Amino acid sequence: MSLPHRDRTASPPETPVTFLLEDPESLTLGGKPRHELKGACGENLLELAMDSGINIEHACGGVCACSTCHIFVESGMDQLREADEAEEDRVEEAPGLQRNSRLACQCEIIGKGPIVVRVPAWNRNAVKEVPH
């Protein structure tokens, strides 16, 4: 399953983004704990993950109405758009809150990277769709 991308100017995917998955079996079909990807400026981390087969939970469809796509930005926070008040309010509802907590749907890539993101073990897409 992929998300409909927001309207944005396409830029080449050149920002290195590493996803570290604490529970790769529940988030991917392959079970790899580390995924090294390239993201485009203007793309958010949830879009990048979903398009790459990493099924991060996103109950609200990526519109900042829940906290299910909670992730930890291990490095490269300055390469992402700053959290706005709506995201800060939502992320406070997430389990395991840390200083580097963000919502993947709101982490828009603005820099050239690198970015390292950890997806906690308790983030599971309960309705993971298997591609046919």
N, C-alpha and C. Protein backbone atom coordinates (compact mmCIF):
# COMPACT_ATOMS: atom_id res chain seq x y z
N MET A 1 0.84 -1.17 0.00
CA MET A 1 0.00 0.00 0.00
C MET A 1 0.88 1.23 0.00
N SER A 2 0.57 2.19 -0.82
CA SER A 2 1.32 3.44 -0.79
C SER A 2 0.35 4.58 -0.54
N LEU A 3 0.90 5.69 -0.14
CA LEU A 3 0.10 6.86 0.14
C LEU A 3 -0.03 7.71 -1.10
N PRO A 4 -1.13 8.44 -1.24
CA PRO A 4 -1.18 9.41 -2.32
C PRO A 4 -0.23 10.55 -1.97
N HIS A 5 0.66 10.89 -2.87
CA HIS A 5 1.63 11.93 -2.59
C HIS A 5 0.97 13.30 -2.64
N ARG A 6 1.42 14.16 -1.74
CA ARG A 6 0.93 15.53 -1.75
C ARG A 6 1.41 16.22 -3.01
N ASP A 7 0.67 17.22 -3.43
CA ASP A 7 1.11 18.01 -4.58
C ASP A 7 2.42 18.70 -4.23
N ARG A 8 3.42 18.46 -5.03
CA ARG A 8 4.72 19.07 -4.81
C ARG A 8 5.53 18.99 -6.09
N THR A 9 6.48 19.85 -6.20
CA THR A 9 7.37 19.82 -7.34
C THR A 9 8.31 18.63 -7.17
N ALA A 10 8.41 17.83 -8.21
CA ALA A 10 9.27 16.66 -8.14
C ALA A 10 10.73 17.09 -8.17
N SER A 11 11.51 16.53 -7.30
CA SER A 11 12.95 16.73 -7.32
C SER A 11 13.57 15.35 -7.30
N PRO A 12 14.78 15.23 -7.79
CA PRO A 12 15.39 13.90 -7.81
C PRO A 12 15.65 13.40 -6.39
N PRO A 13 15.44 12.10 -6.17
CA PRO A 13 15.72 11.53 -4.84
C PRO A 13 17.23 11.42 -4.64
N GLU A 14 17.78 12.34 -3.83
CA GLU A 14 19.23 12.35 -3.62
C GLU A 14 19.63 12.46 -2.16
N THR A 15 18.65 12.57 -1.27
CA THR A 15 18.96 12.68 0.16
C THR A 15 19.03 11.29 0.77
N PRO A 16 20.18 10.88 1.30
CA PRO A 16 20.28 9.56 1.93
C PRO A 16 19.48 9.50 3.23
N VAL A 17 18.58 8.52 3.29
CA VAL A 17 17.76 8.30 4.48
C VAL A 17 17.89 6.83 4.86
N THR A 18 18.31 6.57 6.10
CA THR A 18 18.43 5.21 6.60
C THR A 18 17.31 4.96 7.60
N PHE A 19 16.55 3.89 7.37
CA PHE A 19 15.51 3.45 8.30
C PHE A 19 16.04 2.26 9.07
N LEU A 20 16.05 2.36 10.40
CA LEU A 20 16.44 1.27 11.28
C LEU A 20 15.16 0.71 11.89
N LEU A 21 14.85 -0.53 11.60
CA LEU A 21 13.60 -1.13 12.05
C LEU A 21 13.84 -2.05 13.22
N GLU A 22 13.24 -1.74 14.36
CA GLU A 22 13.41 -2.59 15.54
C GLU A 22 12.68 -3.92 15.38
N ASP A 23 11.61 -3.95 14.60
CA ASP A 23 10.86 -5.19 14.35
C ASP A 23 10.61 -5.32 12.85
N PRO A 24 11.65 -5.65 12.09
CA PRO A 24 11.53 -5.67 10.63
C PRO A 24 10.51 -6.66 10.10
N GLU A 25 10.29 -7.76 10.79
CA GLU A 25 9.34 -8.77 10.32
C GLU A 25 7.92 -8.22 10.21
N SER A 26 7.53 -7.35 11.14
CA SER A 26 6.17 -6.83 11.12
C SER A 26 6.02 -5.62 10.20
N LEU A 27 7.12 -5.03 9.76
CA LEU A 27 7.05 -3.83 8.93
C LEU A 27 7.37 -4.05 7.46
N THR A 28 8.00 -5.19 7.14
CA THR A 28 8.40 -5.44 5.75
C THR A 28 8.14 -6.90 5.41
N LEU A 29 8.21 -7.19 4.14
CA LEU A 29 8.10 -8.58 3.71
C LEU A 29 9.44 -9.30 3.79
N GLY A 30 10.54 -8.55 3.71
CA GLY A 30 11.86 -9.17 3.70
C GLY A 30 12.51 -9.35 5.05
N GLY A 31 12.11 -8.56 6.02
CA GLY A 31 12.66 -8.71 7.35
C GLY A 31 14.03 -8.08 7.56
N LYS A 32 14.48 -7.21 6.64
CA LYS A 32 15.77 -6.53 6.83
C LYS A 32 15.64 -5.44 7.89
N PRO A 33 16.56 -5.37 8.86
CA PRO A 33 16.46 -4.34 9.89
C PRO A 33 16.96 -2.97 9.46
N ARG A 34 17.69 -2.88 8.37
CA ARG A 34 18.28 -1.61 7.91
C ARG A 34 17.95 -1.40 6.43
N HIS A 35 17.41 -0.22 6.13
CA HIS A 35 17.07 0.12 4.75
C HIS A 35 17.70 1.47 4.42
N GLU A 36 18.58 1.47 3.44
CA GLU A 36 19.23 2.71 3.00
C GLU A 36 18.56 3.16 1.72
N LEU A 37 17.89 4.31 1.80
CA LEU A 37 17.08 4.81 0.70
C LEU A 37 17.55 6.20 0.28
N LYS A 38 16.96 6.71 -0.78
CA LYS A 38 17.19 8.08 -1.23
C LYS A 38 15.82 8.76 -1.27
N GLY A 39 15.73 9.91 -0.61
CA GLY A 39 14.49 10.67 -0.60
C GLY A 39 14.66 11.96 -1.38
N ALA A 40 13.53 12.53 -1.77
CA ALA A 40 13.52 13.78 -2.53
C ALA A 40 13.12 14.94 -1.63
N CYS A 41 13.66 16.11 -1.87
CA CYS A 41 13.22 17.29 -1.14
C CYS A 41 11.73 17.47 -1.39
N GLY A 42 10.99 17.72 -0.31
CA GLY A 42 9.55 17.86 -0.39
C GLY A 42 8.79 16.59 -0.07
N GLU A 43 9.48 15.47 -0.08
CA GLU A 43 8.86 14.19 0.26
C GLU A 43 8.89 14.01 1.77
N ASN A 44 7.84 13.40 2.33
CA ASN A 44 7.91 13.14 3.77
C ASN A 44 8.38 11.70 4.01
N LEU A 45 8.84 11.44 5.22
CA LEU A 45 9.42 10.13 5.53
C LEU A 45 8.42 9.00 5.46
N LEU A 46 7.15 9.27 5.74
CA LEU A 46 6.13 8.23 5.63
C LEU A 46 5.95 7.82 4.17
N GLU A 47 5.88 8.80 3.26
CA GLU A 47 5.77 8.49 1.83
C GLU A 47 6.95 7.65 1.37
N LEU A 48 8.15 8.08 1.74
CA LEU A 48 9.37 7.36 1.34
C LEU A 48 9.35 5.94 1.87
N ALA A 49 9.00 5.76 3.13
CA ALA A 49 8.96 4.42 3.72
C ALA A 49 7.93 3.55 3.01
N MET A 50 6.72 4.03 2.87
CA MET A 50 5.65 3.24 2.26
C MET A 50 5.98 2.87 0.81
N ASP A 51 6.52 3.82 0.06
CA ASP A 51 6.90 3.55 -1.34
C ASP A 51 8.03 2.54 -1.44
N SER A 52 8.77 2.34 -0.34
CA SER A 52 9.91 1.42 -0.33
C SER A 52 9.59 0.11 0.37
N GLY A 53 8.32 -0.12 0.68
CA GLY A 53 7.92 -1.39 1.28
C GLY A 53 8.05 -1.45 2.79
N ILE A 54 8.24 -0.30 3.45
CA ILE A 54 8.28 -0.26 4.90
C ILE A 54 6.91 0.23 5.36
N ASN A 55 6.13 -0.66 5.93
CA ASN A 55 4.73 -0.39 6.23
C ASN A 55 4.54 0.21 7.62
N ILE A 56 4.94 1.46 7.76
CA ILE A 56 4.76 2.18 9.03
C ILE A 56 3.26 2.43 9.22
N GLU A 57 2.80 2.17 10.43
CA GLU A 57 1.39 2.42 10.76
C GLU A 57 1.06 3.89 10.50
N HIS A 58 -0.13 4.14 9.95
CA HIS A 58 -0.57 5.51 9.68
C HIS A 58 -2.10 5.53 9.61
N ALA A 59 -2.71 5.38 10.79
CA ALA A 59 -4.16 5.22 10.89
C ALA A 59 -4.93 6.37 10.25
N CYS A 60 -4.41 7.58 10.30
CA CYS A 60 -5.16 8.73 9.77
C CYS A 60 -4.86 8.99 8.30
N GLY A 61 -4.02 8.17 7.69
CA GLY A 61 -3.68 8.38 6.28
C GLY A 61 -2.60 9.42 6.07
N GLY A 62 -1.89 9.78 7.12
CA GLY A 62 -0.77 10.71 6.98
C GLY A 62 -1.17 12.17 6.98
N VAL A 63 -2.22 12.52 7.71
CA VAL A 63 -2.68 13.91 7.72
C VAL A 63 -2.52 14.58 9.09
N CYS A 64 -1.68 14.03 9.95
CA CYS A 64 -1.39 14.59 11.28
C CYS A 64 -2.63 14.64 12.16
N ALA A 65 -3.44 13.59 12.10
CA ALA A 65 -4.63 13.51 12.95
C ALA A 65 -4.50 12.42 14.01
N CYS A 66 -3.35 11.75 14.05
CA CYS A 66 -3.11 10.71 15.06
C CYS A 66 -1.61 10.67 15.34
N SER A 67 -1.16 9.70 16.09
CA SER A 67 0.28 9.60 16.39
C SER A 67 0.83 8.23 16.04
N THR A 68 0.15 7.50 15.16
CA THR A 68 0.56 6.13 14.89
C THR A 68 1.84 6.01 14.06
N CYS A 69 2.23 7.04 13.34
CA CYS A 69 3.46 6.97 12.54
C CYS A 69 4.66 7.54 13.30
N HIS A 70 4.61 7.46 14.63
CA HIS A 70 5.67 7.95 15.51
C HIS A 70 6.99 7.24 15.21
N ILE A 71 8.04 8.03 15.01
CA ILE A 71 9.39 7.53 14.76
C ILE A 71 10.37 8.32 15.61
N PHE A 72 11.62 7.88 15.62
CA PHE A 72 12.70 8.60 16.29
C PHE A 72 13.71 9.02 15.24
N VAL A 73 14.02 10.30 15.16
CA VAL A 73 15.03 10.79 14.23
C VAL A 73 16.36 10.75 14.98
N GLU A 74 17.18 9.76 14.63
CA GLU A 74 18.47 9.55 15.31
C GLU A 74 19.50 10.59 14.90
N SER A 75 19.48 11.00 13.64
CA SER A 75 20.37 12.07 13.17
C SER A 75 19.77 12.69 11.92
N GLY A 76 20.13 13.94 11.68
CA GLY A 76 19.63 14.65 10.51
C GLY A 76 18.35 15.44 10.75
N MET A 77 18.04 15.73 12.01
CA MET A 77 16.83 16.49 12.31
C MET A 77 16.83 17.83 11.56
N ASP A 78 18.02 18.42 11.39
CA ASP A 78 18.12 19.70 10.69
C ASP A 78 17.91 19.56 9.18
N GLN A 79 17.79 18.35 8.70
CA GLN A 79 17.53 18.10 7.28
C GLN A 79 16.03 17.93 7.00
N LEU A 80 15.23 18.09 8.07
CA LEU A 80 13.77 17.95 7.98
C LEU A 80 13.10 19.26 8.36
N ARG A 81 11.93 19.49 7.78
CA ARG A 81 11.14 20.67 8.16
C ARG A 81 10.85 20.59 9.65
N GLU A 82 10.90 21.73 10.33
CA GLU A 82 10.64 21.77 11.77
C GLU A 82 9.21 21.34 12.06
N ALA A 83 9.02 20.73 13.22
CA ALA A 83 7.68 20.34 13.66
C ALA A 83 6.86 21.60 13.92
N ASP A 84 5.61 21.58 13.45
CA ASP A 84 4.72 22.70 13.75
C ASP A 84 3.89 22.35 14.99
N GLU A 85 3.05 23.27 15.41
CA GLU A 85 2.29 23.09 16.64
C GLU A 85 1.36 21.88 16.56
N ALA A 86 0.75 21.66 15.41
CA ALA A 86 -0.16 20.51 15.25
C ALA A 86 0.58 19.20 15.45
N GLU A 87 1.78 19.08 14.86
CA GLU A 87 2.57 17.86 15.05
C GLU A 87 3.00 17.70 16.50
N GLU A 88 3.44 18.77 17.12
CA GLU A 88 3.88 18.69 18.51
C GLU A 88 2.74 18.24 19.42
N ASP A 89 1.53 18.73 19.15
CA ASP A 89 0.37 18.30 19.94
C ASP A 89 0.09 16.82 19.75
N ARG A 90 0.18 16.32 18.52
CA ARG A 90 -0.10 14.92 18.23
C ARG A 90 0.98 14.00 18.75
N VAL A 91 2.24 14.36 18.58
CA VAL A 91 3.32 13.46 18.98
C VAL A 91 3.34 13.27 20.49
N GLU A 92 2.81 14.23 21.23
CA GLU A 92 2.74 14.08 22.68
C GLU A 92 1.84 12.92 23.09
N GLU A 93 0.95 12.49 22.21
CA GLU A 93 0.04 11.38 22.48
C GLU A 93 0.68 10.02 22.19
N ALA A 94 1.86 10.02 21.59
CA ALA A 94 2.51 8.78 21.17
C ALA A 94 3.17 8.08 22.35
N PRO A 95 3.18 6.75 22.33
CA PRO A 95 3.90 6.02 23.38
C PRO A 95 5.41 6.18 23.19
N GLY A 96 6.15 6.10 24.29
CA GLY A 96 7.61 6.12 24.21
C GLY A 96 8.19 7.45 23.77
N LEU A 97 7.54 8.54 24.09
CA LEU A 97 7.97 9.87 23.67
C LEU A 97 9.41 10.15 24.10
N GLN A 98 10.20 10.68 23.14
CA GLN A 98 11.59 11.08 23.39
C GLN A 98 11.82 12.45 22.78
N ARG A 99 12.97 13.04 23.07
CA ARG A 99 13.29 14.36 22.50
C ARG A 99 13.35 14.32 20.98
N ASN A 100 13.69 13.18 20.40
CA ASN A 100 13.83 13.07 18.96
C ASN A 100 12.59 12.44 18.31
N SER A 101 11.46 12.44 19.01
CA SER A 101 10.22 11.89 18.47
C SER A 101 9.64 12.83 17.41
N ARG A 102 9.18 12.24 16.33
CA ARG A 102 8.49 12.98 15.27
C ARG A 102 7.42 12.06 14.68
N LEU A 103 6.54 12.65 13.89
CA LEU A 103 5.57 11.88 13.11
C LEU A 103 6.12 11.78 11.70
N ALA A 104 6.24 10.56 11.20
CA ALA A 104 6.82 10.35 9.87
C ALA A 104 6.07 11.11 8.79
N CYS A 105 4.75 11.26 8.95
CA CYS A 105 3.96 11.95 7.93
C CYS A 105 4.26 13.44 7.88
N GLN A 106 4.87 13.98 8.92
CA GLN A 106 5.16 15.41 8.98
C GLN A 106 6.64 15.74 8.78
N CYS A 107 7.47 14.73 8.64
CA CYS A 107 8.91 14.93 8.46
C CYS A 107 9.22 15.13 6.98
N GLU A 108 9.10 16.35 6.54
CA GLU A 108 9.37 16.67 5.13
C GLU A 108 10.87 16.91 4.95
N ILE A 109 11.44 16.25 3.96
CA ILE A 109 12.87 16.39 3.67
C ILE A 109 13.10 17.77 3.06
N ILE A 110 14.05 18.52 3.66
CA ILE A 110 14.38 19.84 3.12
C ILE A 110 15.87 19.98 2.81
N GLY A 111 16.67 19.02 3.25
CA GLY A 111 18.12 19.10 3.07
C GLY A 111 18.68 17.93 2.29
N LYS A 112 19.98 17.91 2.19
CA LYS A 112 20.69 16.88 1.42
C LYS A 112 21.11 15.69 2.26
N GLY A 113 20.77 15.70 3.58
CA GLY A 113 21.03 14.55 4.42
C GLY A 113 22.45 14.53 4.96
N PRO A 114 22.81 13.41 5.53
CA PRO A 114 22.03 12.18 5.69
C PRO A 114 21.04 12.27 6.86
N ILE A 115 20.04 11.40 6.81
CA ILE A 115 19.02 11.30 7.84
C ILE A 115 18.97 9.84 8.29
N VAL A 116 18.92 9.63 9.61
CA VAL A 116 18.78 8.28 10.15
C VAL A 116 17.54 8.27 11.04
N VAL A 117 16.65 7.33 10.78
CA VAL A 117 15.37 7.22 11.48
C VAL A 117 15.25 5.83 12.08
N ARG A 118 14.77 5.76 13.32
CA ARG A 118 14.50 4.46 13.95
C ARG A 118 12.99 4.31 14.09
N VAL A 119 12.49 3.17 13.63
CA VAL A 119 11.07 2.85 13.76
C VAL A 119 10.94 1.89 14.93
N PRO A 120 10.26 2.31 16.01
CA PRO A 120 10.18 1.47 17.21
C PRO A 120 9.45 0.16 16.97
N ALA A 121 9.76 -0.82 17.78
CA ALA A 121 9.19 -2.17 17.63
C ALA A 121 7.68 -2.18 17.77
N TRP A 122 7.14 -1.27 18.56
CA TRP A 122 5.69 -1.28 18.76
C TRP A 122 4.93 -0.60 17.63
N ASN A 123 5.62 -0.04 16.64
CA ASN A 123 4.94 0.54 15.48
C ASN A 123 4.72 -0.57 14.47
N ARG A 124 3.50 -1.04 14.39
CA ARG A 124 3.17 -2.13 13.47
C ARG A 124 1.96 -1.74 12.66
N ASN A 125 1.99 -2.02 11.37
CA ASN A 125 0.82 -1.78 10.55
C ASN A 125 -0.10 -2.99 10.71
N ALA A 126 -1.15 -2.83 11.50
CA ALA A 126 -2.04 -3.94 11.84
C ALA A 126 -2.78 -4.49 10.63
N VAL A 127 -2.93 -3.69 9.60
CA VAL A 127 -3.62 -4.14 8.40
C VAL A 127 -2.66 -4.13 7.22
N LYS A 128 -1.47 -4.65 7.44
CA LYS A 128 -0.46 -4.69 6.39
C LYS A 128 -0.99 -5.44 5.18
N GLU A 129 -0.94 -4.78 4.05
CA GLU A 129 -1.41 -5.41 2.81
C GLU A 129 -0.23 -6.06 2.10
N VAL A 130 -0.40 -7.28 1.67
CA VAL A 130 0.62 -7.97 0.93
C VAL A 130 0.42 -7.66 -0.55
N PRO A 131 1.48 -7.17 -1.24
CA PRO A 131 1.33 -6.86 -2.67
C PRO A 131 0.94 -8.11 -3.46
N HIS A 132 0.08 -7.93 -4.47
CA HIS A 132 -0.28 -9.06 -5.32
C HIS A 132 0.29 -8.91 -6.69
